[in-house]
């Protein structure tokens, strides 16, 4: 059940949300793919999820990197959506992420990607059309820290995204 402040927002077109994983820990002897979230990462990922639930339409599908920290970030957001785990999102270039987006069913209206830098920040900068929110673009150009997310209106189908670009409507850095 949602609280009054978390009422569902009606959907008005395709939305793409790019969420960078939360701050990760660096335990000794643990490889990069298996690094967990730090305590701060858990808190900030939960805050990102709260912001998404308050300000974005219902997410129809999530594509998440297979890394431990991205899975934990997704869990902390409490976003209730079907998840497709994709190893291709780990250490992905913008093109790799676009390939995953292009494979999304056309009946999906709101898609969230949970991934890593530099792939997601570079993709966000590449997609932002000139009619994007100027304040969001300016902030995005300076940084895309952990638990930050970029929200785009997508004018066409998922498979056409690279060619058409998208309108950056919001850039949120989840901090408590």
C-alpha atoms as a PDB file:
ATOM      1  CA  UNK A   1       0.000   0.000   0.000  1.00  0.00           C
ATOM      2  CA  UNK A   2       1.331   3.459  -0.846  1.00  0.00           C
ATOM      3  CA  UNK A   3       1.210   6.369   1.525  1.00  0.00           C
ATOM      4  CA  UNK A   4      -0.650   9.535   0.417  1.00  0.00           C
ATOM      5  CA  UNK A   5       2.677  11.123  -0.477  1.00  0.00           C
ATOM      6  CA  UNK A   6       3.474   8.129  -2.683  1.00  0.00           C
ATOM      7  CA  UNK A   7       0.326   8.220  -4.838  1.00  0.00           C
ATOM      8  CA  UNK A   8       0.955   6.790  -8.278  1.00  0.00           C
ATOM      9  CA  UNK A   9       1.593   9.347 -11.004  1.00  0.00           C
ATOM     10  CA  UNK A  10      -0.263   8.734 -14.287  1.00  0.00           C
ATOM     11  CA  UNK A  11       1.948   7.957 -17.242  1.00  0.00           C
ATOM     12  CA  UNK A  12       1.995  10.308 -20.218  1.00  0.00           C
ATOM     13  CA  UNK A  13       4.563   8.680 -22.577  1.00  0.00           C
ATOM     14  CA  UNK A  14       7.843   6.745 -22.568  1.00  0.00           C
ATOM     15  CA  UNK A  15      10.146   7.445 -19.645  1.00  0.00           C
ATOM     16  CA  UNK A  16      13.726   6.259 -19.192  1.00  0.00           C
ATOM     17  CA  UNK A  17      15.379   6.404 -15.764  1.00  0.00           C
ATOM     18  CA  UNK A  18      19.136   5.875 -15.501  1.00  0.00           C
ATOM     19  CA  UNK A  19      20.116   5.093 -11.880  1.00  0.00           C
ATOM     20  CA  UNK A  20      23.746   4.764 -10.852  1.00  0.00           C
ATOM     21  CA  UNK A  21      24.297   2.225  -8.065  1.00  0.00           C
ATOM     22  CA  UNK A  22      24.697   3.363  -4.470  1.00  0.00           C
ATOM     23  CA  UNK A  23      28.031   3.976  -2.773  1.00  0.00           C
ATOM     24  CA  UNK A  24      29.825   0.656  -2.524  1.00  0.00           C
ATOM     25  CA  UNK A  25      32.052  -0.831   0.096  1.00  0.00           C
ATOM     26  CA  UNK A  26      35.592  -2.024  -0.539  1.00  0.00           C
ATOM     27  CA  UNK A  27      36.081  -5.120   1.633  1.00  0.00           C
ATOM     28  CA  UNK A  28      39.477  -6.804   1.415  1.00  0.00           C
ATOM     29  CA  UNK A  29      39.655  -9.754  -0.940  1.00  0.00           C
ATOM     30  CA  UNK A  30      36.378  -8.992  -2.726  1.00  0.00           C
ATOM     31  CA  UNK A  31      36.478  -8.502  -6.490  1.00  0.00           C
ATOM     32  CA  UNK A  32      34.855  -5.490  -8.138  1.00  0.00           C
ATOM     33  CA  UNK A  33      31.770  -7.376  -9.382  1.00  0.00           C
ATOM     34  CA  UNK A  34      31.071  -8.693  -5.871  1.00  0.00           C
ATOM     35  CA  UNK A  35      31.489  -5.462  -3.889  1.00  0.00           C
ATOM     36  CA  UNK A  36      28.507  -4.765  -1.604  1.00  0.00           C
ATOM     37  CA  UNK A  37      26.859  -1.437  -0.867  1.00  0.00           C
ATOM     38  CA  UNK A  38      28.272   0.620   1.966  1.00  0.00           C
ATOM     39  CA  UNK A  39      25.824   1.666   4.697  1.00  0.00           C
ATOM     40  CA  UNK A  40      25.640   5.117   3.067  1.00  0.00           C
ATOM     41  CA  UNK A  41      24.851   3.434  -0.250  1.00  0.00           C
ATOM     42  CA  UNK A  42      21.881   1.594   1.282  1.00  0.00           C
ATOM     43  CA  UNK A  43      20.462   4.823   2.719  1.00  0.00           C
ATOM     44  CA  UNK A  44      20.951   6.808  -0.484  1.00  0.00           C
ATOM     45  CA  UNK A  45      19.532   4.057  -2.713  1.00  0.00           C
ATOM     46  CA  UNK A  46      16.437   3.962  -0.492  1.00  0.00           C
ATOM     47  CA  UNK A  47      16.155   7.746  -0.859  1.00  0.00           C
ATOM     48  CA  UNK A  48      16.470   7.413  -4.655  1.00  0.00           C
ATOM     49  CA  UNK A  49      13.633   4.896  -4.616  1.00  0.00           C
ATOM     50  CA  UNK A  50      11.454   7.174  -2.508  1.00  0.00           C
ATOM     51  CA  UNK A  51      12.061  10.047  -4.953  1.00  0.00           C
ATOM     52  CA  UNK A  52      11.243   7.801  -7.929  1.00  0.00           C
ATOM     53  CA  UNK A  53       7.994   6.606  -6.339  1.00  0.00           C
ATOM     54  CA  UNK A  54       6.977  10.199  -5.573  1.00  0.00           C
ATOM     55  CA  UNK A  55       7.927  11.831  -8.869  1.00  0.00           C
ATOM     56  CA  UNK A  56       7.879   9.237 -11.645  1.00  0.00           C
ATOM     57  CA  UNK A  57       5.293   7.011 -13.301  1.00  0.00           C
ATOM     58  CA  UNK A  58       5.057   3.340 -12.390  1.00  0.00           C
ATOM     59  CA  UNK A  59       8.110   1.499 -13.705  1.00  0.00           C
ATOM     60  CA  UNK A  60       7.186  -1.353 -16.047  1.00  0.00           C
ATOM     61  CA  UNK A  61      10.613  -2.979 -16.256  1.00  0.00           C
ATOM     62  CA  UNK A  62      14.093  -2.677 -14.779  1.00  0.00           C
ATOM     63  CA  UNK A  63      17.305  -3.722 -16.474  1.00  0.00           C
ATOM     64  CA  UNK A  64      19.935  -4.211 -13.785  1.00  0.00           C
ATOM     65  CA  UNK A  65      23.623  -5.043 -13.931  1.00  0.00           C
ATOM     66  CA  UNK A  66      24.505  -8.372 -12.359  1.00  0.00           C
ATOM     67  CA  UNK A  67      26.991  -6.754  -9.946  1.00  0.00           C
ATOM     68  CA  UNK A  68      26.207  -7.185  -6.238  1.00  0.00           C
ATOM     69  CA  UNK A  69      26.066  -3.418  -5.621  1.00  0.00           C
ATOM     70  CA  UNK A  70      23.533  -2.798  -8.409  1.00  0.00           C
ATOM     71  CA  UNK A  71      21.304  -5.639  -7.206  1.00  0.00           C
ATOM     72  CA  UNK A  72      21.456  -4.248  -3.665  1.00  0.00           C
ATOM     73  CA  UNK A  73      20.711  -0.741  -4.955  1.00  0.00           C
ATOM     74  CA  UNK A  74      17.641  -2.000  -6.775  1.00  0.00           C
ATOM     75  CA  UNK A  75      16.443  -3.881  -3.690  1.00  0.00           C
ATOM     76  CA  UNK A  76      16.893  -0.774  -1.519  1.00  0.00           C
ATOM     77  CA  UNK A  77      14.789   1.360  -3.896  1.00  0.00           C
ATOM     78  CA  UNK A  78      11.760  -0.883  -3.317  1.00  0.00           C
ATOM     79  CA  UNK A  79      10.713  -0.317  -6.928  1.00  0.00           C
ATOM     80  CA  UNK A  80       8.089  -2.999  -7.662  1.00  0.00           C
ATOM     81  CA  UNK A  81       8.804  -3.954 -11.267  1.00  0.00           C
ATOM     82  CA  UNK A  82       9.875  -7.004 -13.252  1.00  0.00           C
ATOM     83  CA  UNK A  83      13.673  -7.151 -13.483  1.00  0.00           C
ATOM     84  CA  UNK A  84      15.898  -8.308 -16.313  1.00  0.00           C
ATOM     85  CA  UNK A  85      19.465  -8.873 -15.065  1.00  0.00           C
ATOM     86  CA  UNK A  86      22.035  -8.186 -17.757  1.00  0.00           C
ATOM     87  CA  UNK A  87      25.745  -8.851 -17.390  1.00  0.00           C
ATOM     88  CA  UNK A  88      26.199  -6.534 -20.380  1.00  0.00           C
ATOM     89  CA  UNK A  89      25.387  -3.529 -18.153  1.00  0.00           C
ATOM     90  CA  UNK A  90      28.455  -4.244 -15.966  1.00  0.00           C
ATOM     91  CA  UNK A  91      31.436  -2.256 -17.365  1.00  0.00           C
ATOM     92  CA  UNK A  92      29.159  -1.153 -20.215  1.00  0.00           C
ATOM     93  CA  UNK A  93      29.770   1.562 -22.744  1.00  0.00           C
ATOM     94  CA  UNK A  94      26.843   3.813 -23.702  1.00  0.00           C
ATOM     95  CA  UNK A  95      26.392   1.628 -26.799  1.00  0.00           C
ATOM     96  CA  UNK A  96      26.181  -1.523 -24.678  1.00  0.00           C
ATOM     97  CA  UNK A  97      23.448   0.051 -22.543  1.00  0.00           C
ATOM     98  CA  UNK A  98      21.594   1.223 -25.660  1.00  0.00           C
ATOM     99  CA  UNK A  99      21.612  -2.358 -26.996  1.00  0.00           C
ATOM    100  CA  UNK A 100      19.853  -3.500 -23.820  1.00  0.00           C
ATOM    101  CA  UNK A 101      17.331  -0.667 -24.084  1.00  0.00           C
ATOM    102  CA  UNK A 102      16.695  -1.445 -27.766  1.00  0.00           C
ATOM    103  CA  UNK A 103      15.796  -5.035 -26.804  1.00  0.00           C
ATOM    104  CA  UNK A 104      12.979  -3.772 -24.564  1.00  0.00           C
ATOM    105  CA  UNK A 105       9.420  -4.687 -25.557  1.00  0.00           C
ATOM    106  CA  UNK A 106       7.497  -1.865 -27.182  1.00  0.00           C
ATOM    107  CA  UNK A 107       4.677  -2.196 -24.634  1.00  0.00           C
ATOM    108  CA  UNK A 108       7.021  -1.013 -21.848  1.00  0.00           C
ATOM    109  CA  UNK A 109       6.356   2.668 -21.166  1.00  0.00           C
ATOM    110  CA  UNK A 110       8.683   3.293 -18.213  1.00  0.00           C
ATOM    111  CA  UNK A 111      12.071   1.630 -18.090  1.00  0.00           C
ATOM    112  CA  UNK A 112      14.759   1.946 -15.425  1.00  0.00           C
ATOM    113  CA  UNK A 113      18.396   0.966 -15.869  1.00  0.00           C
ATOM    114  CA  UNK A 114      20.519   0.319 -12.759  1.00  0.00           C
ATOM    115  CA  UNK A 115      24.167   0.450 -13.695  1.00  0.00           C
ATOM    116  CA  UNK A 116      27.582   1.999 -13.389  1.00  0.00           C
ATOM    117  CA  UNK A 117      29.857   4.870 -14.325  1.00  0.00           C
ATOM    118  CA  UNK A 118      31.130   5.778 -16.816  1.00  0.00           C
ATOM    119  CA  UNK A 119      28.523   4.033 -19.021  1.00  0.00           C
ATOM    120  CA  UNK A 120      25.377   5.607 -17.559  1.00  0.00           C
ATOM    121  CA  UNK A 121      26.726   9.159 -17.171  1.00  0.00           C
ATOM    122  CA  UNK A 122      28.147   9.088 -20.702  1.00  0.00           C
ATOM    123  CA  UNK A 123      24.853   7.761 -22.081  1.00  0.00           C
ATOM    124  CA  UNK A 124      22.890  10.460 -20.249  1.00  0.00           C
ATOM    125  CA  UNK A 125      25.066  13.201 -21.742  1.00  0.00           C
ATOM    126  CA  UNK A 126      24.819  11.640 -25.196  1.00  0.00           C
ATOM    127  CA  UNK A 127      21.011  11.390 -25.109  1.00  0.00           C
ATOM    128  CA  UNK A 128      20.151  14.865 -23.751  1.00  0.00           C
ATOM    129  CA  UNK A 129      18.539  16.899 -26.534  1.00  0.00           C
ATOM    130  CA  UNK A 130      18.811  20.718 -26.626  1.00  0.00           C
ATOM    131  CA  UNK A 131      15.229  21.103 -25.338  1.00  0.00           C
ATOM    132  CA  UNK A 132      16.209  19.305 -22.105  1.00  0.00           C
ATOM    133  CA  UNK A 133      15.873  20.986 -18.718  1.00  0.00           C
ATOM    134  CA  UNK A 134      18.880  23.330 -18.660  1.00  0.00           C
ATOM    135  CA  UNK A 135      19.468  23.143 -14.905  1.00  0.00           C
ATOM    136  CA  UNK A 136      19.459  19.338 -15.035  1.00  0.00           C
ATOM    137  CA  UNK A 137      21.850  19.279 -17.990  1.00  0.00           C
ATOM    138  CA  UNK A 138      24.236  21.688 -16.248  1.00  0.00           C
ATOM    139  CA  UNK A 139      24.298  19.523 -13.131  1.00  0.00           C
ATOM    140  CA  UNK A 140      24.689  16.333 -15.166  1.00  0.00           C
ATOM    141  CA  UNK A 141      27.671  17.856 -16.981  1.00  0.00           C
ATOM    142  CA  UNK A 142      29.465  18.441 -13.679  1.00  0.00           C
ATOM    143  CA  UNK A 143      28.833  15.094 -11.964  1.00  0.00           C
ATOM    144  CA  UNK A 144      26.800  11.877 -11.807  1.00  0.00           C
ATOM    145  CA  UNK A 145      27.600  10.511  -8.329  1.00  0.00           C
ATOM    146  CA  UNK A 146      26.448   7.260  -6.782  1.00  0.00           C
ATOM    147  CA  UNK A 147      22.663   6.992  -6.248  1.00  0.00           C
ATOM    148  CA  UNK A 148      22.062   9.799  -8.757  1.00  0.00           C
ATOM    149  CA  UNK A 149      19.471   9.365 -11.455  1.00  0.00           C
ATOM    150  CA  UNK A 150      18.641  10.965 -14.778  1.00  0.00           C
ATOM    151  CA  UNK A 151      15.071  10.944 -16.107  1.00  0.00           C
ATOM    152  CA  UNK A 152      14.291  11.252 -19.808  1.00  0.00           C
ATOM    153  CA  UNK A 153      11.172  11.604 -21.935  1.00  0.00           C
ATOM    154  CA  UNK A 154      11.720   9.346 -24.927  1.00  0.00           C
ATOM    155  CA  UNK A 155      10.001  10.597 -28.092  1.00  0.00           C
ATOM    156  CA  UNK A 156      10.122   7.360 -30.097  1.00  0.00           C
ATOM    157  CA  UNK A 157      10.484   3.644 -29.637  1.00  0.00           C
ATOM    158  CA  UNK A 158      13.194   2.039 -27.511  1.00  0.00           C
ATOM    159  CA  UNK A 159      15.030   0.743 -30.587  1.00  0.00           C
ATOM    160  CA  UNK A 160      15.276   4.271 -32.049  1.00  0.00           C
ATOM    161  CA  UNK A 161      16.581   5.936 -28.908  1.00  0.00           C
ATOM    162  CA  UNK A 162      20.161   6.675 -29.979  1.00  0.00           C
ATOM    163  CA  UNK A 163      19.139   8.308 -33.232  1.00  0.00           C
ATOM    164  CA  UNK A 164      16.353  10.442 -31.772  1.00  0.00           C
ATOM    165  CA  UNK A 165      17.858  11.310 -28.401  1.00  0.00           C
ATOM    166  CA  UNK A 166      15.631  12.175 -25.464  1.00  0.00           C
ATOM    167  CA  UNK A 167      14.613  15.094 -23.290  1.00  0.00           C
ATOM    168  CA  UNK A 168      16.286  15.185 -19.887  1.00  0.00           C
ATOM    169  CA  UNK A 169      13.475  16.238 -17.557  1.00  0.00           C
ATOM    170  CA  UNK A 170      15.149  15.698 -14.184  1.00  0.00           C
ATOM    171  CA  UNK A 171      18.490  14.940 -12.596  1.00  0.00           C
ATOM    172  CA  UNK A 172      18.303  13.956  -8.945  1.00  0.00           C
ATOM    173  CA  UNK A 173      21.115  13.220  -6.516  1.00  0.00           C
ATOM    174  CA  UNK A 174      19.776  11.130  -3.651  1.00  0.00           C
ATOM    175  CA  UNK A 175      21.296  12.375  -0.416  1.00  0.00           C
ATOM    176  CA  UNK A 176      20.016  12.467   3.164  1.00  0.00           C
END
